[in-house]
Amino acid sequence: RALRAGEPVLEESPVASSPPAGAAGVAPRVCWGCLRALGAQPGAEAGGRAFCGETCAAEAGRWSLGRGATVSPEEQRFEQLCGPGGAGTLPLLALRLARACARGRHAPSVLDPLCFADVPAASSEAAWAEPLEAARAVLAAEEPGGAPAWFDFAWWSGVLGRLHVNTFRVDALGVADFASLRAMAAGEAAGGAGDLGGGAGNGTAAYVVSSFLNHSCEPPLAQSFAGGDHRISFTAARDIAEGEQLFTAYVDVEAPREARRGRLKWAYGFDCSCPKCLDGD
């Protein structure tokens, strides 16, 4: 149907989200549940993690974080593997999703409808086997029945292949101070469908419906995190005609044309043919 400029189009909670790799020791601090930026005093703390409040801490503890009062040795080792220079944020996100599936929030196949990076088996085994075994040790230590039967390399590589091209960087407002803002701008980009470049933001999140939006360098949708947390919102950036396809942007649309197209070709494997690129802008 036709949409008017400014009209809400989609709001979606993630199936999983995670602070940037190494977030426990760097500014800005974010809630380990909803990725909301925190001030000097968090609303709650649990298991060595800071949260925006007790409700968020309880929700995260139920679905996506460890069950203990402290971070287990198994999870410490896993996070070290994912830290700076290591496996990165995506395995952290995959472990959170595995917990949510093991605890009944999502089916293990929740991301199956999404497109995926077809990584050669030898490359995926070399990059993902060690984090998989470390994640399996985490689940084995904290889940009553141990790691689920479906938690194998096929599931792990399938999830990471989908996260590789479908994650969104959460750029939520509310950083506590300019030092935190500078730290966000200097962070390592997380990659993925919503990675607009220029920092790690509050963290990384995976969505189902939002991941079906294709890219345009002049998208009719404006993407935001209006609530200051990991819930993503899209509004009409202009009047949209009935039947017109809805697009979002995967990269910084203000970057030069060749920089945009080079990033899209490298990360997603396509030559952008949106009107802005075809016009040479």
C-alpha atoms as a PDB file:
ATOM      1  CA  ARG A   1       0.000   0.000   0.000  1.00  0.00           C
ATOM      2  CA  ALA A   2       1.006   3.629  -0.297  1.00  0.00           C
ATOM      3  CA  LEU A   3       2.954   5.107   2.633  1.00  0.00           C
ATOM      4  CA  ARG A   4       3.395   8.718   3.650  1.00  0.00           C
ATOM      5  CA  ALA A   5       6.751  10.207   4.637  1.00  0.00           C
ATOM      6  CA  GLY A   6       7.420   9.598   8.321  1.00  0.00           C
ATOM      7  CA  GLU A   7       4.938   6.712   8.607  1.00  0.00           C
ATOM      8  CA  PRO A   8       6.135   3.721  10.680  1.00  0.00           C
ATOM      9  CA  VAL A   9       6.700   0.637   8.514  1.00  0.00           C
ATOM     10  CA  LEU A  10       8.361  -2.017  10.688  1.00  0.00           C
ATOM     11  CA  GLU A  11       9.568  -2.442  14.251  1.00  0.00           C
ATOM     12  CA  GLU A  12      11.275  -5.684  15.236  1.00  0.00           C
ATOM     13  CA  SER A  13      13.074  -7.206  18.199  1.00  0.00           C
ATOM     14  CA  PRO A  14      16.183  -9.281  17.419  1.00  0.00           C
ATOM     15  CA  VAL A  15      16.373 -13.045  17.697  1.00  0.00           C
ATOM     16  CA  ALA A  16      19.787 -12.425  19.284  1.00  0.00           C
ATOM     17  CA  SER A  17      22.060  -9.483  20.039  1.00  0.00           C
ATOM     18  CA  SER A  18      25.506  -9.046  21.548  1.00  0.00           C
ATOM     19  CA  PRO A  19      27.811  -6.241  22.669  1.00  0.00           C
ATOM     20  CA  PRO A  20      31.010  -5.902  20.622  1.00  0.00           C
ATOM     21  CA  ALA A  21      33.767  -8.441  21.216  1.00  0.00           C
ATOM     22  CA  GLY A  22      35.866  -7.320  24.167  1.00  0.00           C
ATOM     23  CA  ALA A  23      33.063  -5.063  25.436  1.00  0.00           C
ATOM     24  CA  ALA A  24      33.626  -6.043  29.071  1.00  0.00           C
ATOM     25  CA  GLY A  25      36.757  -3.923  29.248  1.00  0.00           C
ATOM     26  CA  VAL A  26      36.105  -0.970  26.924  1.00  0.00           C
ATOM     27  CA  ALA A  27      33.916   2.118  26.794  1.00  0.00           C
ATOM     28  CA  PRO A  28      31.154   2.786  26.137  1.00  0.00           C
ATOM     29  CA  ARG A  29      29.432   0.346  28.451  1.00  0.00           C
ATOM     30  CA  VAL A  30      26.191  -1.077  27.171  1.00  0.00           C
ATOM     31  CA  CYS A  31      23.489  -3.219  28.694  1.00  0.00           C
ATOM     32  CA  TRP A  32      24.338  -6.883  28.195  1.00  0.00           C
ATOM     33  CA  GLY A  33      20.660  -7.533  27.576  1.00  0.00           C
ATOM     34  CA  CYS A  34      19.239  -4.862  25.245  1.00  0.00           C
ATOM     35  CA  LEU A  35      22.459  -2.988  24.254  1.00  0.00           C
ATOM     36  CA  ARG A  36      21.214   0.308  25.688  1.00  0.00           C
ATOM     37  CA  ALA A  37      24.128   2.659  26.427  1.00  0.00           C
ATOM     38  CA  LEU A  38      24.821   2.940  30.149  1.00  0.00           C
ATOM     39  CA  GLY A  39      26.021   5.831  32.244  1.00  0.00           C
ATOM     40  CA  ALA A  40      28.517   5.622  35.077  1.00  0.00           C
ATOM     41  CA  GLN A  41      26.007   3.732  37.242  1.00  0.00           C
ATOM     42  CA  PRO A  42      24.213   0.784  35.620  1.00  0.00           C
ATOM     43  CA  GLY A  43      20.670  -0.046  36.629  1.00  0.00           C
ATOM     44  CA  ALA A  44      21.625  -3.582  37.661  1.00  0.00           C
ATOM     45  CA  GLU A  45      24.508  -6.024  37.641  1.00  0.00           C
ATOM     46  CA  ALA A  46      24.441  -9.807  37.395  1.00  0.00           C
ATOM     47  CA  GLY A  47      27.109 -12.383  36.674  1.00  0.00           C
ATOM     48  CA  GLY A  48      29.731  -9.670  36.230  1.00  0.00           C
ATOM     49  CA  ARG A  49      27.633  -7.943  33.533  1.00  0.00           C
ATOM     50  CA  ALA A  50      26.013  -4.502  33.621  1.00  0.00           C
ATOM     51  CA  PHE A  51      22.351  -3.984  32.683  1.00  0.00           C
ATOM     52  CA  CYS A  52      19.984  -1.060  32.261  1.00  0.00           C
ATOM     53  CA  GLY A  53      17.663  -2.491  34.924  1.00  0.00           C
ATOM     54  CA  GLU A  54      16.534  -5.551  36.851  1.00  0.00           C
ATOM     55  CA  THR A  55      13.920  -6.513  34.249  1.00  0.00           C
ATOM     56  CA  CYS A  56      16.465  -6.564  31.443  1.00  0.00           C
ATOM     57  CA  ALA A  57      18.935  -8.514  33.598  1.00  0.00           C
ATOM     58  CA  ALA A  58      16.299 -11.151  34.348  1.00  0.00           C
ATOM     59  CA  GLU A  59      15.243 -11.440  30.697  1.00  0.00           C
ATOM     60  CA  ALA A  60      18.836 -11.797  29.488  1.00  0.00           C
ATOM     61  CA  GLY A  61      19.598 -14.339  32.213  1.00  0.00           C
ATOM     62  CA  ARG A  62      16.606 -16.403  31.181  1.00  0.00           C
ATOM     63  CA  TRP A  63      17.342 -16.574  27.460  1.00  0.00           C
ATOM     64  CA  SER A  64      20.797 -15.499  26.326  1.00  0.00           C
ATOM     65  CA  LEU A  65      23.385 -15.430  29.133  1.00  0.00           C
ATOM     66  CA  GLY A  66      24.968 -17.972  31.459  1.00  0.00           C
ATOM     67  CA  ARG A  67      22.928 -19.296  34.359  1.00  0.00           C
ATOM     68  CA  GLY A  68      25.541 -18.762  37.085  1.00  0.00           C
ATOM     69  CA  ALA A  69      26.125 -15.784  39.376  1.00  0.00           C
ATOM     70  CA  THR A  70      29.565 -15.325  37.815  1.00  0.00           C
ATOM     71  CA  VAL A  71      31.055 -15.850  34.376  1.00  0.00           C
ATOM     72  CA  SER A  72      32.148 -19.481  34.085  1.00  0.00           C
ATOM     73  CA  PRO A  73      35.721 -20.471  33.150  1.00  0.00           C
ATOM     74  CA  GLU A  74      34.316 -22.016  29.959  1.00  0.00           C
ATOM     75  CA  GLU A  75      32.707 -18.734  28.929  1.00  0.00           C
ATOM     76  CA  GLN A  76      35.816 -16.758  29.838  1.00  0.00           C
ATOM     77  CA  ARG A  77      37.829 -18.929  27.456  1.00  0.00           C
ATOM     78  CA  PHE A  78      35.185 -18.552  24.739  1.00  0.00           C
ATOM     79  CA  GLU A  79      35.171 -14.761  25.084  1.00  0.00           C
ATOM     80  CA  GLN A  80      38.958 -14.674  24.923  1.00  0.00           C
ATOM     81  CA  LEU A  81      38.804 -16.534  21.601  1.00  0.00           C
ATOM     82  CA  CYS A  82      36.331 -13.922  20.330  1.00  0.00           C
ATOM     83  CA  GLY A  83      38.281 -10.919  21.615  1.00  0.00           C
ATOM     84  CA  PRO A  84      40.405  -8.430  19.642  1.00  0.00           C
ATOM     85  CA  GLY A  85      42.354 -10.232  16.948  1.00  0.00           C
ATOM     86  CA  GLY A  86      40.274 -13.378  17.465  1.00  0.00           C
ATOM     87  CA  ALA A  87      37.043 -14.808  16.097  1.00  0.00           C
ATOM     88  CA  GLY A  88      35.061 -11.557  16.568  1.00  0.00           C
ATOM     89  CA  THR A  89      31.495 -10.762  17.552  1.00  0.00           C
ATOM     90  CA  LEU A  90      29.573 -13.214  15.351  1.00  0.00           C
ATOM     91  CA  PRO A  91      30.412 -16.348  17.415  1.00  0.00           C
ATOM     92  CA  LEU A  92      29.292 -14.422  20.537  1.00  0.00           C
ATOM     93  CA  LEU A  93      25.995 -13.785  18.772  1.00  0.00           C
ATOM     94  CA  ALA A  94      25.766 -17.438  17.704  1.00  0.00           C
ATOM     95  CA  LEU A  95      26.242 -18.650  21.286  1.00  0.00           C
ATOM     96  CA  ARG A  96      23.485 -16.330  22.513  1.00  0.00           C
ATOM     97  CA  LEU A  97      21.184 -17.656  19.789  1.00  0.00           C
ATOM     98  CA  ALA A  98      22.101 -21.257  20.721  1.00  0.00           C
ATOM     99  CA  ARG A  99      21.132 -20.583  24.326  1.00  0.00           C
ATOM    100  CA  ALA A 100      17.799 -19.071  23.282  1.00  0.00           C
ATOM    101  CA  CYS A 101      17.111 -22.134  21.113  1.00  0.00           C
ATOM    102  CA  ALA A 102      18.181 -24.593  23.820  1.00  0.00           C
ATOM    103  CA  ARG A 103      15.883 -22.859  26.312  1.00  0.00           C
ATOM    104  CA  GLY A 104      12.859 -22.884  24.000  1.00  0.00           C
ATOM    105  CA  ARG A 105      12.610 -19.277  22.865  1.00  0.00           C
ATOM    106  CA  HIS A 106      13.395 -19.997  19.214  1.00  0.00           C
ATOM    107  CA  ALA A 107      13.551 -23.074  17.019  1.00  0.00           C
ATOM    108  CA  PRO A 108      17.110 -24.018  15.986  1.00  0.00           C
ATOM    109  CA  SER A 109      15.984 -23.349  12.400  1.00  0.00           C
ATOM    110  CA  VAL A 110      14.915 -19.745  13.097  1.00  0.00           C
ATOM    111  CA  LEU A 111      17.492 -18.259  10.689  1.00  0.00           C
ATOM    112  CA  ASP A 112      17.150 -20.926   7.988  1.00  0.00           C
ATOM    113  CA  PRO A 113      15.011 -18.736   5.654  1.00  0.00           C
ATOM    114  CA  LEU A 114      17.785 -16.130   5.339  1.00  0.00           C
ATOM    115  CA  CYS A 115      20.422 -15.978   2.626  1.00  0.00           C
ATOM    116  CA  PHE A 116      23.917 -17.049   3.652  1.00  0.00           C
ATOM    117  CA  ALA A 117      27.569 -16.710   2.745  1.00  0.00           C
ATOM    118  CA  ASP A 118      28.649 -19.902   0.993  1.00  0.00           C
ATOM    119  CA  VAL A 119      32.000 -20.317   2.754  1.00  0.00           C
ATOM    120  CA  PRO A 120      34.215 -23.199   1.520  1.00  0.00           C
ATOM    121  CA  ALA A 121      34.273 -26.080   4.002  1.00  0.00           C
ATOM    122  CA  ALA A 122      38.027 -25.907   4.536  1.00  0.00           C
ATOM    123  CA  SER A 123      37.867 -22.184   5.335  1.00  0.00           C
ATOM    124  CA  SER A 124      34.879 -22.483   7.665  1.00  0.00           C
ATOM    125  CA  GLU A 125      36.418 -25.396   9.572  1.00  0.00           C
ATOM    126  CA  ALA A 126      39.685 -23.528  10.022  1.00  0.00           C
ATOM    127  CA  ALA A 127      37.955 -20.363  11.255  1.00  0.00           C
ATOM    128  CA  TRP A 128      34.993 -21.747  13.191  1.00  0.00           C
ATOM    129  CA  ALA A 129      35.951 -25.145  14.628  1.00  0.00           C
ATOM    130  CA  GLU A 130      37.797 -23.836  17.696  1.00  0.00           C
ATOM    131  CA  PRO A 131      35.060 -21.316  18.690  1.00  0.00           C
ATOM    132  CA  LEU A 132      32.484 -24.093  18.175  1.00  0.00           C
ATOM    133  CA  GLU A 133      34.219 -26.422  20.610  1.00  0.00           C
ATOM    134  CA  ALA A 134      34.623 -23.587  23.117  1.00  0.00           C
ATOM    135  CA  ALA A 135      30.919 -22.736  22.773  1.00  0.00           C
ATOM    136  CA  ARG A 136      29.993 -26.413  23.158  1.00  0.00           C
ATOM    137  CA  ALA A 137      31.939 -26.489  26.433  1.00  0.00           C
ATOM    138  CA  VAL A 138      29.950 -23.464  27.637  1.00  0.00           C
ATOM    139  CA  LEU A 139      26.617 -25.136  26.855  1.00  0.00           C
ATOM    140  CA  ALA A 140      27.719 -28.476  28.290  1.00  0.00           C
ATOM    141  CA  ALA A 141      28.600 -26.795  31.584  1.00  0.00           C
ATOM    142  CA  GLU A 142      25.430 -24.727  31.986  1.00  0.00           C
ATOM    143  CA  GLU A 143      22.524 -26.527  30.300  1.00  0.00           C
ATOM    144  CA  PRO A 144      20.887 -29.311  32.374  1.00  0.00           C
ATOM    145  CA  GLY A 145      21.090 -31.810  29.527  1.00  0.00           C
ATOM    146  CA  GLY A 146      24.403 -30.577  28.167  1.00  0.00           C
ATOM    147  CA  ALA A 147      24.858 -29.221  24.661  1.00  0.00           C
ATOM    148  CA  PRO A 148      21.769 -30.022  22.498  1.00  0.00           C
ATOM    149  CA  ALA A 149      22.049 -32.742  19.857  1.00  0.00           C
ATOM    150  CA  TRP A 150      21.433 -30.211  17.055  1.00  0.00           C
ATOM    151  CA  PHE A 151      24.386 -28.087  18.217  1.00  0.00           C
ATOM    152  CA  ASP A 152      26.935 -29.415  15.738  1.00  0.00           C
ATOM    153  CA  PHE A 153      29.216 -27.973  13.073  1.00  0.00           C
ATOM    154  CA  ALA A 154      26.444 -27.948  10.459  1.00  0.00           C
ATOM    155  CA  TRP A 155      24.247 -25.763  12.702  1.00  0.00           C
ATOM    156  CA  TRP A 156      27.173 -23.559  13.778  1.00  0.00           C
ATOM    157  CA  SER A 157      28.481 -22.936  10.264  1.00  0.00           C
ATOM    158  CA  GLY A 158      24.954 -22.398   8.917  1.00  0.00           C
ATOM    159  CA  VAL A 159      24.220 -19.778  11.558  1.00  0.00           C
ATOM    160  CA  LEU A 160      27.557 -17.995  11.113  1.00  0.00           C
ATOM    161  CA  GLY A 161      27.137 -18.017   7.333  1.00  0.00           C
ATOM    162  CA  ARG A 162      23.778 -16.288   7.752  1.00  0.00           C
ATOM    163  CA  LEU A 163      24.995 -13.861  10.398  1.00  0.00           C
ATOM    164  CA  HIS A 164      27.861 -12.889   8.101  1.00  0.00           C
ATOM    165  CA  VAL A 165      25.494 -11.197   5.649  1.00  0.00           C
ATOM    166  CA  ASN A 166      22.454 -10.439   7.810  1.00  0.00           C
ATOM    167  CA  THR A 167      23.608  -8.794  11.036  1.00  0.00           C
ATOM    168  CA  PHE A 168      22.820  -5.184  11.813  1.00  0.00           C
ATOM    169  CA  ARG A 169      25.045  -2.846  13.771  1.00  0.00           C
ATOM    170  CA  VAL A 170      22.995  -1.356  16.591  1.00  0.00           C
ATOM    171  CA  ASP A 171      23.505   2.405  16.618  1.00  0.00           C
ATOM    172  CA  ALA A 172      21.342   3.300  19.602  1.00  0.00           C
ATOM    173  CA  LEU A 173      21.330   6.833  20.983  1.00  0.00           C
ATOM    174  CA  GLY A 174      22.090   7.677  24.591  1.00  0.00           C
ATOM    175  CA  VAL A 175      25.865   7.390  24.964  1.00  0.00           C
ATOM    176  CA  ALA A 176      26.846   8.788  28.322  1.00  0.00           C
ATOM    177  CA  ASP A 177      29.449  11.324  27.239  1.00  0.00           C
ATOM    178  CA  PHE A 178      31.649  12.483  24.378  1.00  0.00           C
ATOM    179  CA  ALA A 179      34.418  10.073  25.401  1.00  0.00           C
ATOM    180  CA  SER A 180      31.988   7.200  24.907  1.00  0.00           C
ATOM    181  CA  LEU A 181      30.888   8.669  21.576  1.00  0.00           C
ATOM    182  CA  ARG A 182      34.503   8.827  20.385  1.00  0.00           C
ATOM    183  CA  ALA A 183      35.075   5.260  21.550  1.00  0.00           C
ATOM    184  CA  MET A 184      32.068   4.114  19.523  1.00  0.00           C
ATOM    185  CA  ALA A 185      33.311   5.948  16.433  1.00  0.00           C
ATOM    186  CA  ALA A 186      36.765   4.376  16.783  1.00  0.00           C
ATOM    187  CA  GLY A 187      35.449   0.822  17.275  1.00  0.00           C
ATOM    188  CA  GLU A 188      35.808  -2.006  14.817  1.00  0.00           C
ATOM    189  CA  ALA A 189      32.890  -2.326  12.391  1.00  0.00           C
ATOM    190  CA  ALA A 190      30.861  -5.458  12.986  1.00  0.00           C
ATOM    191  CA  GLY A 191      29.831  -6.142   9.386  1.00  0.00           C
ATOM    192  CA  GLY A 192      26.492  -7.440   8.156  1.00  0.00           C
ATOM    193  CA  ALA A 193      23.396  -6.122   6.465  1.00  0.00           C
ATOM    194  CA  GLY A 194      22.969  -3.100   8.687  1.00  0.00           C
ATOM    195  CA  ASP A 195      26.652  -2.200   8.984  1.00  0.00           C
ATOM    196  CA  LEU A 196      26.727   1.374   7.768  1.00  0.00           C
ATOM    197  CA  GLY A 197      30.420   1.736   8.505  1.00  0.00           C
ATOM    198  CA  GLY A 198      32.325   3.836  11.031  1.00  0.00           C
ATOM    199  CA  GLY A 199      32.345   1.938  14.322  1.00  0.00           C
ATOM    200  CA  ALA A 200      30.973  -0.938  16.316  1.00  0.00           C
ATOM    201  CA  GLY A 201      28.109   1.071  17.828  1.00  0.00           C
ATOM    202  CA  ASN A 202      26.362  -0.520  20.792  1.00  0.00           C
ATOM    203  CA  GLY A 203      26.765  -4.013  19.385  1.00  0.00           C
ATOM    204  CA  THR A 204      25.393  -6.413  16.788  1.00  0.00           C
ATOM    205  CA  ALA A 205      21.935  -7.934  16.323  1.00  0.00           C
ATOM    206  CA  ALA A 206      20.218 -10.460  14.064  1.00  0.00           C
ATOM    207  CA  TYR A 207      16.632 -10.025  12.850  1.00  0.00           C
ATOM    208  CA  VAL A 208      14.437 -12.168  10.627  1.00  0.00           C
ATOM    209  CA  VAL A 209      11.978  -9.859   8.839  1.00  0.00           C
ATOM    210  CA  SER A 210      14.374  -6.914   8.586  1.00  0.00           C
ATOM    211  CA  SER A 211      16.974  -9.159   6.939  1.00  0.00           C
ATOM    212  CA  PHE A 212      14.738  -9.548   3.887  1.00  0.00           C
ATOM    213  CA  LEU A 213      15.140  -5.858   2.999  1.00  0.00           C
ATOM    214  CA  ASN A 214      17.431  -5.433   0.006  1.00  0.00           C
ATOM    215  CA  HIS A 215      19.936  -2.596  -0.396  1.00  0.00           C
ATOM    216  CA  SER A 216      19.694   0.748  -2.162  1.00  0.00           C
ATOM    217  CA  CYS A 217      22.014   3.758  -1.880  1.00  0.00           C
ATOM    218  CA  GLU A 218      18.903   5.941  -1.831  1.00  0.00           C
ATOM    219  CA  PRO A 219      16.545   3.796   0.281  1.00  0.00           C
ATOM    220  CA  PRO A 220      12.910   4.800   0.795  1.00  0.00           C
ATOM    221  CA  LEU A 221      13.169   3.607   4.412  1.00  0.00           C
ATOM    222  CA  ALA A 222      14.951   5.334   7.292  1.00  0.00           C
ATOM    223  CA  GLN A 223      16.480   2.927   9.798  1.00  0.00           C
ATOM    224  CA  SER A 224      16.810   3.820  13.490  1.00  0.00           C
ATOM    225  CA  PHE A 225      16.907   2.494  17.033  1.00  0.00           C
ATOM    226  CA  ALA A 226      14.408   4.972  18.355  1.00  0.00           C
ATOM    227  CA  GLY A 227      14.008   3.335  21.757  1.00  0.00           C
ATOM    228  CA  GLY A 228      17.731   3.508  22.479  1.00  0.00           C
ATOM    229  CA  ASP A 229      18.042  -0.300  22.607  1.00  0.00           C
ATOM    230  CA  HIS A 230      18.411  -3.196  20.140  1.00  0.00           C
ATOM    231  CA  ARG A 231      14.853  -2.969  18.786  1.00  0.00           C
ATOM    232  CA  ILE A 232      15.078  -1.778  15.170  1.00  0.00           C
ATOM    233  CA  SER A 233      12.608   0.611  13.518  1.00  0.00           C
ATOM    234  CA  PHE A 234      11.986   1.580   9.900  1.00  0.00           C
ATOM    235  CA  THR A 235       9.941   4.595   8.785  1.00  0.00           C
ATOM    236  CA  ALA A 236       9.138   5.954   5.343  1.00  0.00           C
ATOM    237  CA  ALA A 237      11.875   8.434   4.409  1.00  0.00           C
ATOM    238  CA  ARG A 238       9.586   9.879   1.719  1.00  0.00           C
ATOM    239  CA  ASP A 239       6.199   9.161   0.202  1.00  0.00           C
ATOM    240  CA  ILE A 240       6.212   5.574  -1.094  1.00  0.00           C
ATOM    241  CA  ALA A 241       3.903   4.427  -3.881  1.00  0.00           C
ATOM    242  CA  GLU A 242       1.692   1.356  -3.669  1.00  0.00           C
ATOM    243  CA  GLY A 243       3.649  -1.709  -4.793  1.00  0.00           C
ATOM    244  CA  GLU A 244       7.054  -0.016  -4.577  1.00  0.00           C
ATOM    245  CA  GLN A 245       9.807  -2.227  -3.164  1.00  0.00           C
ATOM    246  CA  LEU A 246      11.120  -1.272   0.266  1.00  0.00           C
ATOM    247  CA  PHE A 247      14.898  -0.939   0.621  1.00  0.00           C
ATOM    248  CA  THR A 248      17.324  -0.136   3.417  1.00  0.00           C
ATOM    249  CA  ALA A 249      21.034   0.759   3.195  1.00  0.00           C
ATOM    250  CA  TYR A 250      23.858  -1.668   3.977  1.00  0.00           C
ATOM    251  CA  VAL A 251      26.614   0.974   3.756  1.00  0.00           C
ATOM    252  CA  ASP A 252      27.122   4.712   4.283  1.00  0.00           C
ATOM    253  CA  VAL A 253      25.121   6.234   1.439  1.00  0.00           C
ATOM    254  CA  GLU A 254      27.104   9.487   1.695  1.00  0.00           C
ATOM    255  CA  ALA A 255      30.364   7.701   0.841  1.00  0.00           C
ATOM    256  CA  PRO A 256      31.739   8.079  -2.717  1.00  0.00           C
ATOM    257  CA  ARG A 257      30.184   5.806  -5.335  1.00  0.00           C
ATOM    258  CA  GLU A 258      33.242   3.593  -5.831  1.00  0.00           C
ATOM    259  CA  ALA A 259      33.702   3.186  -2.074  1.00  0.00           C
ATOM    260  CA  ARG A 260      30.062   2.128  -1.686  1.00  0.00           C
ATOM    261  CA  ARG A 261      30.164  -0.275  -4.593  1.00  0.00           C
ATOM    262  CA  GLY A 262      33.506  -1.724  -3.512  1.00  0.00           C
ATOM    263  CA  ARG A 263      32.223  -2.409   0.000  1.00  0.00           C
ATOM    264  CA  LEU A 264      29.023  -4.008  -1.300  1.00  0.00           C
ATOM    265  CA  LYS A 265      30.936  -6.182  -3.774  1.00  0.00           C
ATOM    266  CA  TRP A 266      33.393  -7.338  -1.107  1.00  0.00           C
ATOM    267  CA  ALA A 267      30.877  -7.985   1.668  1.00  0.00           C
ATOM    268  CA  TYR A 268      27.795  -9.125  -0.279  1.00  0.00           C
ATOM    269  CA  GLY A 269      28.996 -10.144  -3.723  1.00  0.00           C
ATOM    270  CA  PHE A 270      26.883  -7.842  -5.917  1.00  0.00           C
ATOM    271  CA  ASP A 271      27.458  -4.798  -8.089  1.00  0.00           C
ATOM    272  CA  CYS A 272      25.021  -2.168  -6.900  1.00  0.00           C
ATOM    273  CA  SER A 273      22.705  -1.027  -9.679  1.00  0.00           C
ATOM    274  CA  CYS A 274      20.485   1.330  -7.679  1.00  0.00           C
ATOM    275  CA  PRO A 275      19.517   4.605  -9.408  1.00  0.00           C
ATOM    276  CA  LYS A 276      22.096   6.558  -7.399  1.00  0.00           C
ATOM    277  CA  CYS A 277      24.931   4.299  -8.537  1.00  0.00           C
ATOM    278  CA  LEU A 278      23.707   4.164 -12.136  1.00  0.00           C
ATOM    279  CA  ASP A 279      23.603   7.973 -12.191  1.00  0.00           C
ATOM    280  CA  GLY A 280      27.263   8.018 -11.206  1.00  0.00           C
ATOM    281  CA  ASP A 281      26.636   9.681  -7.825  1.00  0.00           C
END
